[in-house]
Protein backbone atom coordinates (compact mmCIF):
# COMPACT_ATOMS: atom_id res chain seq x y z
CA MET A 1 9.97 58.55 -157.41
CA ARG A 2 7.66 61.85 -157.35
CA GLU A 3 3.58 61.47 -156.19
CA LEU A 4 1.61 62.59 -158.02
CA SER A 5 -1.67 62.74 -156.01
CA ALA A 6 -3.24 66.35 -156.47
CA GLU A 7 -2.66 67.68 -153.01
CA THR A 8 1.09 66.47 -153.67
CA MET A 9 1.21 68.35 -157.37
CA GLY A 10 -0.84 71.03 -156.09
CA VAL A 11 -4.16 70.21 -158.65
CA THR A 12 -6.43 72.39 -156.60
CA ALA A 13 -7.28 75.13 -159.12
CA LYS A 14 -11.19 75.39 -159.96
CA ARG A 15 -12.01 74.42 -162.59
CA GLY A 16 -15.99 75.79 -162.88
CA GLY A 17 -18.38 74.69 -165.64
CA GLY A 18 -19.91 71.50 -163.54
CA ARG A 19 -16.13 70.04 -164.21
CA ASP A 20 -15.21 70.12 -160.04
CA VAL A 21 -16.04 66.88 -159.53
CA GLU A 22 -14.51 64.77 -156.40
CA ILE A 23 -14.51 60.11 -157.57
CA THR A 24 -16.34 59.54 -154.37
CA ASP A 25 -15.70 55.34 -154.92
CA VAL A 26 -14.60 52.93 -156.65
CA GLN A 27 -17.35 49.31 -157.09
CA THR A 28 -16.76 45.92 -159.18
CA THR A 29 -18.73 43.30 -160.40
CA MET A 30 -18.32 40.02 -162.22
CA VAL A 31 -20.18 38.70 -164.84
CA ASP A 32 -19.81 35.26 -165.64
CA GLY A 33 -19.23 34.96 -169.15
CA ASN A 34 -17.58 32.69 -171.56
CA PHE A 35 -14.69 34.31 -168.65
CA PRO A 36 -15.56 35.86 -165.66
CA TRP A 37 -15.83 40.07 -166.11
CA THR A 38 -14.74 42.12 -164.21
CA LEU A 39 -17.02 45.79 -164.71
CA VAL A 40 -15.57 48.85 -162.96
CA ARG A 41 -17.95 51.80 -161.81
CA ILE A 42 -16.25 55.18 -160.63
CA TYR A 43 -19.23 57.24 -158.91
CA THR A 44 -18.66 60.92 -158.11
CA ASP A 45 -20.23 64.06 -155.64
CA ALA A 46 -21.60 64.82 -158.49
CA GLY A 47 -23.67 61.70 -159.83
CA VAL A 48 -21.92 60.93 -162.41
CA VAL A 49 -21.21 57.16 -162.50
CA GLY A 50 -18.19 55.97 -165.42
CA THR A 51 -18.37 52.14 -166.45
CA GLY A 52 -15.61 50.26 -167.33
CA GLU A 53 -14.26 47.19 -168.11
CA ALA A 54 -11.07 45.11 -166.71
CA TYR A 55 -10.35 42.50 -168.76
CA TRP A 56 -10.14 38.43 -166.51
CA GLY A 57 -7.59 37.25 -164.59
CA ALA A 58 -7.57 36.13 -160.67
CA GLY A 59 -7.45 38.83 -158.31
CA VAL A 60 -8.53 41.61 -160.32
CA PRO A 61 -11.71 43.11 -158.66
CA GLU A 62 -9.02 42.29 -155.39
CA LEU A 63 -6.70 44.73 -156.20
CA ILE A 64 -9.42 47.73 -157.78
CA GLU A 65 -10.16 47.57 -154.65
CA ARG A 66 -6.68 48.22 -153.46
CA MET A 67 -6.42 51.30 -155.65
CA LYS A 68 -9.87 52.81 -153.92
CA PRO A 69 -7.68 54.86 -151.90
CA PHE A 70 -5.28 56.84 -155.13
CA VAL A 71 -8.45 57.96 -157.14
CA ILE A 72 -10.75 58.66 -153.89
CA GLY A 73 -11.00 62.34 -153.52
CA GLU A 74 -9.23 62.89 -157.21
CA ASN A 75 -11.40 64.75 -160.44
CA PRO A 76 -11.93 62.13 -162.66
CA LEU A 77 -10.76 64.05 -166.06
CA ASP A 78 -7.40 64.07 -164.77
CA ILE A 79 -7.02 60.72 -166.64
CA ASP A 80 -3.79 60.86 -167.50
CA ARG A 81 -2.34 62.20 -163.80
CA LEU A 82 -4.29 59.42 -162.43
CA TYR A 83 -3.65 56.51 -164.77
CA GLU A 84 0.67 57.16 -164.11
CA HIS A 85 -0.32 57.37 -159.94
CA LEU A 86 -1.98 54.26 -159.91
CA ILE A 87 1.24 52.61 -162.20
CA GLN A 88 3.41 53.97 -159.51
CA LYS A 89 1.25 52.90 -156.57
CA MET A 90 0.72 49.42 -157.47
CA SER A 91 4.69 48.89 -158.29
CA GLY A 92 4.63 47.26 -156.06
CA GLU A 93 2.01 44.83 -157.46
CA GLY A 94 3.83 44.98 -160.92
CA SER A 95 1.57 47.51 -162.02
CA VAL A 96 3.14 47.10 -165.95
CA GLU A 97 2.31 43.72 -167.12
CA GLY A 98 -0.36 41.24 -166.12
CA VAL A 99 -3.81 41.58 -163.74
CA THR A 100 -2.00 44.70 -162.14
CA VAL A 101 -2.32 46.70 -165.40
CA THR A 102 -5.67 45.10 -166.17
CA ALA A 103 -6.82 46.67 -163.85
CA ILE A 104 -5.69 49.27 -163.58
CA ALA A 105 -6.84 50.14 -167.08
CA GLY A 106 -10.26 49.27 -166.09
CA ILE A 107 -10.34 51.94 -163.92
CA GLU A 108 -9.06 53.75 -166.80
CA ILE A 109 -11.48 53.31 -169.29
CA ALA A 110 -14.52 53.94 -166.42
CA LEU A 111 -13.11 57.55 -166.04
CA HIS A 112 -13.42 58.22 -169.69
CA ASP A 113 -16.79 57.60 -169.73
CA LEU A 114 -16.82 59.36 -166.72
CA ALA A 115 -15.49 62.35 -168.44
CA GLY A 116 -17.30 62.45 -171.69
CA LYS A 117 -20.05 62.33 -169.67
CA ILE A 118 -19.16 65.06 -167.78
CA LEU A 119 -18.17 67.07 -170.19
CA ASP A 120 -21.44 65.97 -172.88
CA ILE A 121 -19.42 64.70 -175.46
CA PRO A 122 -19.18 60.95 -176.65
CA ALA A 123 -15.70 59.48 -175.01
CA TYR A 124 -14.69 59.18 -178.67
CA GLN A 125 -14.04 62.62 -179.13
CA LEU A 126 -11.60 62.20 -175.98
CA LEU A 127 -9.30 59.97 -178.15
CA GLY A 128 -8.44 61.76 -180.74
CA GLY A 129 -11.80 61.69 -182.61
CA LYS A 130 -14.37 59.58 -184.87
CA TYR A 131 -12.82 57.29 -187.42
CA ARG A 132 -15.69 55.88 -188.70
CA ASP A 133 -19.47 55.27 -188.59
CA LYS A 134 -19.74 52.07 -188.07
CA VAL A 135 -17.66 49.27 -186.70
CA ARG A 136 -18.16 45.54 -187.60
CA VAL A 137 -19.00 43.18 -184.41
CA TYR A 138 -17.71 39.40 -184.42
CA CYS A 139 -18.61 36.96 -182.68
CA ASP A 140 -16.53 34.49 -180.44
CA CYS A 141 -17.90 30.91 -181.03
CA HIS A 142 -16.69 29.58 -177.42
CA THR A 143 -18.31 26.27 -177.18
CA GLU A 144 -18.60 23.32 -174.10
CA GLU A 145 -16.43 21.15 -176.62
CA GLU A 146 -14.01 23.33 -177.88
CA ALA A 147 -11.81 20.48 -179.49
CA ASP A 148 -14.66 19.21 -181.58
CA PRO A 149 -14.77 20.62 -184.51
CA GLU A 150 -18.19 19.74 -185.83
CA ALA A 151 -18.75 21.25 -182.28
CA CYS A 152 -17.40 24.19 -183.23
CA ALA A 153 -19.24 24.35 -186.54
CA ASP A 154 -22.56 23.34 -185.31
CA GLU A 155 -21.62 27.13 -183.06
CA ALA A 156 -21.03 29.08 -185.96
CA GLU A 157 -23.57 28.03 -188.14
CA ARG A 158 -26.14 29.00 -185.09
CA VAL A 159 -24.53 32.58 -184.35
CA VAL A 160 -25.12 33.25 -188.19
CA ASP A 161 -28.27 31.31 -188.24
CA GLU A 162 -30.24 32.62 -185.43
CA LEU A 163 -28.14 35.62 -184.67
CA GLY A 164 -27.20 37.43 -187.37
CA TYR A 165 -23.45 37.15 -187.37
CA ASP A 166 -21.45 36.94 -190.22
CA ALA A 167 -17.67 37.79 -188.66
CA LEU A 168 -16.74 34.87 -186.25
CA LYS A 169 -13.77 34.23 -184.07
């Protein structure tokens, strides 16, 4: 298997234009919602910070912590190479499924956020461009009593009446 770190790949050329940036830290925090959300922050030596989200799962913050040495010192603009590097480095921990790929995805999202900020363009521009002007947002109406249809109906009415949603799940 080919090692994909910048050092072994010979990725040392200066980019210029404020694009010579290095990752200095990766941190996570848990936000308690309808399930525990893992937010990922990637910090750089340029003071630019990217934020991503990793879908919930036991051990996601610990897996991200395990991946830190593989991205620190790297340029966050090398998103595809870093993604493949993490897939390779984490192959022993199941990098193509489950919580490991969830953790990698959180890092990848934060890298896209960083790239958009570094290049001063919306992140969607990096992912193929603008497709629409608006996106309809739906509300996921969880209740404490999910098995009770009446409780679910009450919650649906509440989010429509009080919060103004017109699309529900």
